Amino acid sequence: MRWLMGVLAATVMLSGCSQISAQMSGEQASTATESSSFDPDAGPILVTQQWGVVDGMLSVVVRNTSQRTLRFANAVITARDEQDVIVASSAVVTDGTCCDVVDLPAGEKFGFYFDVGSSADAIAKLDVAYQDVAWATASGKPDATFTAKPTGIDKNSVGAVVVADVVTTGARTPQVSAQAFLNDKDGKFIAVVSGRWDCFVPGTRQIRMQLFHPVPPGTVVEAIRVHPVEHDPARPSPDCSYRNES
């Protein structure tokens, strides 16, 4: 535990989570609708709504309650026990899977998740801070809209797969982010699972979201959220000009 606290202290000092810094650069930073500024009096960057654990994985649901699209942010999630002792943190996750959010529209929710192992049972509360934040002004009508309907949860050798049909209307979309929010049989939130897909065209497309953890019997999909992603610095949008619309 002493080494974990030391890593966390160094991470907070170096990253400056309490300060807002522009993550975007080059062409993205010059876009007229983008802004790296944020008024602290206007409220939190994202509002934490709920969290849950399943099979040693912690999931945290947040919502963009502002009137602008959150272009990019990296969340630093710190989990504490009843005595306020740190038991887990996304700051020490080294596989690059947590915790970025990209192009989250105003009013939409998003889920972060990472493995915490046996520490999951000790979690009593969370702190969520943000770094590398960039905003965009809220735009008008989107170029495409997405309606997702879950069709099932399949079990496999590595966990569970959420299957859904997504209906796209409007323009071709180079890249989308989809997330499924899962509740247990009693209606309690337990997990989020997500994925990215390229070249969405108008029509219906089936997607399969792999969760690398088993879920308990009676697990249901509470909601599925789909939104376009255009400004991920780690994964540029593909060229979808070769795809025919259906």
Protein backbone atom coordinates (compact mmCIF):
# COMPACT_ATOMS: atom_id res chain seq x y z
CA MET A 1 0.00 0.00 0.00
CA ARG A 2 2.91 2.37 0.78
CA TRP A 3 4.21 2.07 -2.78
CA LEU A 4 0.75 2.73 -4.19
CA MET A 5 0.34 5.92 -2.17
CA GLY A 6 3.80 7.05 -3.27
CA VAL A 7 2.93 6.54 -6.94
CA LEU A 8 -0.35 8.36 -6.49
CA ALA A 9 1.29 11.33 -4.82
CA ALA A 10 3.82 11.63 -7.62
CA THR A 11 1.13 11.29 -10.26
CA VAL A 12 -1.03 14.04 -8.80
CA MET A 13 1.94 16.38 -8.44
CA LEU A 14 3.08 15.84 -12.02
CA SER A 15 -0.27 15.77 -13.77
CA GLY A 16 -1.87 18.73 -12.03
CA CYS A 17 -5.34 17.23 -11.93
CA SER A 18 -6.69 20.32 -10.18
CA GLN A 19 -5.62 22.46 -13.10
CA ILE A 20 -7.18 22.52 -16.56
CA SER A 21 -4.75 22.23 -19.46
CA ALA A 22 -5.37 22.05 -23.18
CA GLN A 23 -4.89 18.53 -24.49
CA MET A 24 -5.55 19.32 -28.13
CA SER A 25 -2.83 20.60 -30.41
CA GLY A 26 -2.25 21.47 -34.04
CA GLU A 27 -5.30 21.43 -36.25
CA GLN A 28 -7.64 20.44 -33.45
CA ALA A 29 -6.60 23.36 -31.26
CA SER A 30 -7.15 25.81 -34.09
CA THR A 31 -10.74 24.72 -34.69
CA ALA A 32 -13.01 27.66 -33.98
CA THR A 33 -15.58 25.68 -31.97
CA GLU A 34 -13.05 24.29 -29.50
CA SER A 35 -11.94 25.75 -26.19
CA SER A 36 -9.57 24.55 -23.49
CA SER A 37 -10.93 27.00 -20.94
CA PHE A 38 -13.36 26.05 -18.21
CA ASP A 39 -15.17 28.16 -15.66
CA PRO A 40 -14.83 26.43 -12.27
CA ASP A 41 -17.86 28.31 -11.00
CA ALA A 42 -20.02 26.68 -13.67
CA GLY A 43 -19.82 23.26 -12.01
CA PRO A 44 -17.78 20.07 -12.23
CA ILE A 45 -16.33 18.85 -15.52
CA LEU A 46 -18.39 15.66 -15.32
CA VAL A 47 -20.85 14.65 -12.60
CA THR A 48 -20.25 11.22 -11.05
CA GLN A 49 -23.59 9.42 -10.91
CA GLN A 50 -22.91 5.88 -9.75
CA TRP A 51 -20.35 3.12 -9.53
CA GLY A 52 -20.36 -0.64 -9.27
CA VAL A 53 -18.11 -3.69 -9.18
CA VAL A 54 -18.25 -7.12 -10.77
CA ASP A 55 -15.60 -9.83 -10.60
CA GLY A 56 -12.89 -7.39 -9.49
CA MET A 57 -13.68 -4.69 -12.07
CA LEU A 58 -14.69 -1.19 -11.00
CA SER A 59 -17.04 0.81 -13.26
CA VAL A 60 -17.86 4.49 -12.78
CA VAL A 61 -20.66 6.34 -14.57
CA VAL A 62 -20.37 10.08 -15.17
CA ARG A 63 -22.52 12.58 -17.05
CA ASN A 64 -21.77 15.73 -19.00
CA THR A 65 -24.22 18.19 -17.44
CA SER A 66 -22.81 21.19 -19.29
CA GLN A 67 -24.13 22.74 -22.49
CA ARG A 68 -20.99 21.84 -24.45
CA THR A 69 -19.42 18.75 -25.92
CA LEU A 70 -16.47 17.52 -23.89
CA ARG A 71 -13.85 17.11 -26.59
CA PHE A 72 -11.37 15.21 -24.42
CA ALA A 73 -10.54 14.46 -20.79
CA ASN A 74 -8.56 11.90 -18.85
CA ALA A 75 -10.07 10.80 -15.56
CA VAL A 76 -8.01 9.87 -12.51
CA ILE A 77 -10.19 7.67 -10.31
CA THR A 78 -9.17 7.01 -6.72
CA ALA A 79 -11.06 4.43 -4.65
CA ARG A 80 -11.02 4.58 -0.85
CA ASP A 81 -12.24 2.36 1.97
CA GLU A 82 -14.33 3.31 5.00
CA GLN A 83 -11.23 4.69 6.77
CA ASP A 84 -10.45 6.91 3.75
CA VAL A 85 -7.42 4.78 2.85
CA ILE A 86 -6.62 4.47 -0.86
CA VAL A 87 -7.24 0.92 -2.05
CA ALA A 88 -7.11 1.36 -5.85
CA SER A 89 -6.48 4.01 -8.49
CA SER A 90 -6.59 4.32 -12.25
CA ALA A 91 -3.31 6.28 -11.95
CA VAL A 92 -1.39 3.01 -11.71
CA VAL A 93 -3.16 1.29 -14.63
CA THR A 94 -0.41 0.72 -17.19
CA ASP A 95 -2.19 -1.02 -20.07
CA GLY A 96 -3.62 2.18 -21.54
CA THR A 97 -7.27 1.17 -21.18
CA CYS A 98 -8.37 3.80 -18.67
CA CYS A 99 -9.60 6.44 -18.47
CA ASP A 100 -10.15 8.71 -21.49
CA VAL A 101 -13.41 10.19 -22.72
CA VAL A 102 -13.63 11.71 -26.19
CA ASP A 103 -16.36 13.84 -27.84
CA LEU A 104 -18.98 13.31 -25.13
CA PRO A 105 -22.08 15.33 -26.09
CA ALA A 106 -23.87 17.60 -23.66
CA GLY A 107 -26.29 15.66 -21.48
CA GLU A 108 -24.79 12.23 -22.25
CA LYS A 109 -23.36 9.74 -19.79
CA PHE A 110 -20.16 7.74 -20.05
CA GLY A 111 -18.56 4.86 -18.20
CA PHE A 112 -14.97 4.32 -17.09
CA TYR A 113 -13.78 0.92 -15.93
CA PHE A 114 -10.60 -0.80 -14.80
CA ASP A 115 -9.58 -3.89 -12.86
CA VAL A 116 -8.96 -3.53 -9.13
CA GLY A 117 -8.91 -7.22 -8.15
CA SER A 118 -9.57 -8.15 -4.54
CA SER A 119 -9.59 -4.45 -3.54
CA ALA A 120 -13.09 -4.16 -5.03
CA ASP A 121 -14.74 -5.46 -1.86
CA ALA A 122 -13.14 -2.72 0.25
CA ILE A 123 -14.27 0.25 -1.87
CA ALA A 124 -16.58 2.61 0.00
CA LYS A 125 -16.20 5.89 -1.92
CA LEU A 126 -14.54 7.42 -4.95
CA ASP A 127 -12.72 10.57 -5.95
CA VAL A 128 -12.69 11.48 -9.65
CA ALA A 129 -10.38 14.22 -10.96
CA TYR A 130 -9.71 15.26 -14.56
CA GLN A 131 -6.68 16.33 -16.54
CA ASP A 132 -5.90 17.23 -20.17
CA VAL A 133 -9.35 18.74 -20.63
CA ALA A 134 -10.61 20.30 -23.86
CA TRP A 135 -14.12 21.57 -24.59
CA ALA A 136 -16.10 22.32 -27.72
CA THR A 137 -19.05 24.64 -27.98
CA ALA A 138 -22.38 22.82 -28.14
CA SER A 139 -23.34 22.46 -31.79
CA GLY A 140 -26.72 22.26 -33.41
CA LYS A 141 -28.36 19.23 -34.97
CA PRO A 142 -25.92 16.28 -35.29
CA ASP A 143 -25.03 14.87 -38.69
CA ALA A 144 -26.19 11.41 -37.63
CA THR A 145 -28.34 9.91 -34.89
CA PHE A 146 -28.10 6.45 -33.36
CA THR A 147 -30.74 4.26 -31.75
CA ALA A 148 -29.45 1.14 -30.01
CA LYS A 149 -31.49 -1.85 -28.85
CA PRO A 150 -29.95 -4.66 -26.80
CA THR A 151 -30.73 -8.13 -28.11
CA GLY A 152 -28.98 -10.29 -25.55
CA ILE A 153 -26.05 -11.08 -23.28
CA ASP A 154 -24.01 -14.09 -24.38
CA LYS A 155 -21.57 -15.90 -22.14
CA ASN A 156 -18.22 -17.06 -23.48
CA SER A 157 -14.92 -18.39 -22.18
CA VAL A 158 -13.58 -14.95 -21.23
CA GLY A 159 -16.68 -13.31 -19.79
CA ALA A 160 -19.82 -11.95 -21.40
CA VAL A 161 -20.78 -10.30 -24.70
CA VAL A 162 -23.50 -7.68 -24.98
CA VAL A 163 -25.20 -7.85 -28.37
CA ALA A 164 -27.15 -4.90 -29.77
CA ASP A 165 -28.65 -3.59 -32.99
CA VAL A 166 -27.79 0.01 -33.80
CA VAL A 167 -29.92 1.97 -36.26
CA THR A 168 -28.10 4.91 -37.85
CA THR A 169 -29.89 7.75 -39.62
CA GLY A 170 -28.26 10.68 -41.35
CA ALA A 171 -24.70 10.94 -42.60
CA ARG A 172 -21.98 8.31 -42.76
CA THR A 173 -19.98 8.36 -39.49
CA PRO A 174 -16.27 7.42 -39.57
CA GLN A 175 -16.06 6.28 -35.94
CA VAL A 176 -18.47 5.72 -33.05
CA SER A 177 -18.19 4.82 -29.39
CA ALA A 178 -20.80 2.48 -27.92
CA GLN A 179 -21.29 1.56 -24.28
CA ALA A 180 -23.69 -0.76 -22.51
CA PHE A 181 -24.60 -0.17 -18.86
CA LEU A 182 -25.42 -3.34 -16.94
CA ASN A 183 -27.60 -3.87 -13.86
CA ASP A 184 -27.94 -6.98 -11.73
CA LYS A 185 -31.27 -8.75 -11.20
CA ASP A 186 -32.13 -6.32 -8.39
CA GLY A 187 -31.60 -3.27 -10.59
CA LYS A 188 -28.23 -2.27 -9.12
CA PHE A 189 -25.58 -0.98 -11.51
CA ILE A 190 -22.63 -3.37 -11.76
CA ALA A 191 -20.63 -2.73 -14.93
CA VAL A 192 -20.08 -0.91 -18.18
CA VAL A 193 -18.72 -2.45 -21.36
CA SER A 194 -17.70 -0.49 -24.44
CA GLY A 195 -16.21 -0.61 -27.90
CA ARG A 196 -15.34 1.42 -30.99
CA TRP A 197 -16.59 0.80 -34.50
CA ASP A 198 -15.57 2.34 -37.80
CA CYS A 199 -17.55 3.50 -40.82
CA PHE A 200 -21.15 3.47 -39.64
CA VAL A 201 -23.52 4.03 -42.56
CA PRO A 202 -27.29 4.64 -42.45
CA GLY A 203 -29.18 1.45 -41.68
CA THR A 204 -29.01 -1.27 -39.03
CA ARG A 205 -25.77 -2.80 -37.78
CA GLN A 206 -25.23 -5.43 -35.10
CA ILE A 207 -22.46 -4.81 -32.60
CA ARG A 208 -20.95 -7.11 -29.97
CA MET A 209 -19.30 -5.65 -26.88
CA GLN A 210 -16.94 -8.00 -25.05
CA LEU A 211 -16.71 -7.77 -21.28
CA PHE A 212 -13.69 -9.69 -20.00
CA HIS A 213 -15.45 -10.64 -16.78
CA PRO A 214 -18.40 -12.92 -16.05
CA VAL A 215 -21.66 -11.34 -14.95
CA PRO A 216 -24.10 -12.82 -12.45
CA PRO A 217 -27.31 -14.58 -13.54
CA GLY A 218 -30.15 -12.16 -14.20
CA THR A 219 -27.90 -9.35 -15.46
CA VAL A 220 -29.74 -6.97 -17.79
CA VAL A 221 -28.77 -4.12 -20.10
CA GLU A 222 -30.10 -0.92 -18.55
CA ALA A 223 -29.09 1.33 -21.46
CA ILE A 224 -26.83 1.61 -24.49
CA ARG A 225 -25.28 4.90 -25.53
CA VAL A 226 -23.72 5.57 -28.93
CA HIS A 227 -22.00 8.78 -30.02
CA PRO A 228 -19.61 9.76 -32.83
CA VAL A 229 -15.89 10.15 -32.12
CA GLU A 230 -13.88 12.57 -34.24
CA HIS A 231 -11.03 13.92 -32.13
CA ASP A 232 -9.30 11.01 -30.42
CA PRO A 233 -5.55 11.78 -30.51
CA ALA A 234 -4.76 8.10 -30.00
CA ARG A 235 -7.01 6.81 -32.78
CA PRO A 236 -7.58 9.02 -35.84
CA SER A 237 -10.84 8.61 -37.72
CA PRO A 238 -10.56 6.24 -40.69
CA ASP A 239 -11.29 7.05 -44.33
CA CYS A 240 -14.74 5.63 -45.00
CA SER A 241 -15.16 6.95 -48.52
CA TYR A 242 -15.00 3.42 -49.90
CA ARG A 243 -18.09 2.33 -47.95
CA ASN A 244 -21.41 2.40 -49.75
CA GLU A 245 -24.40 3.60 -47.82
CA SER A 246 -27.23 1.11 -47.44
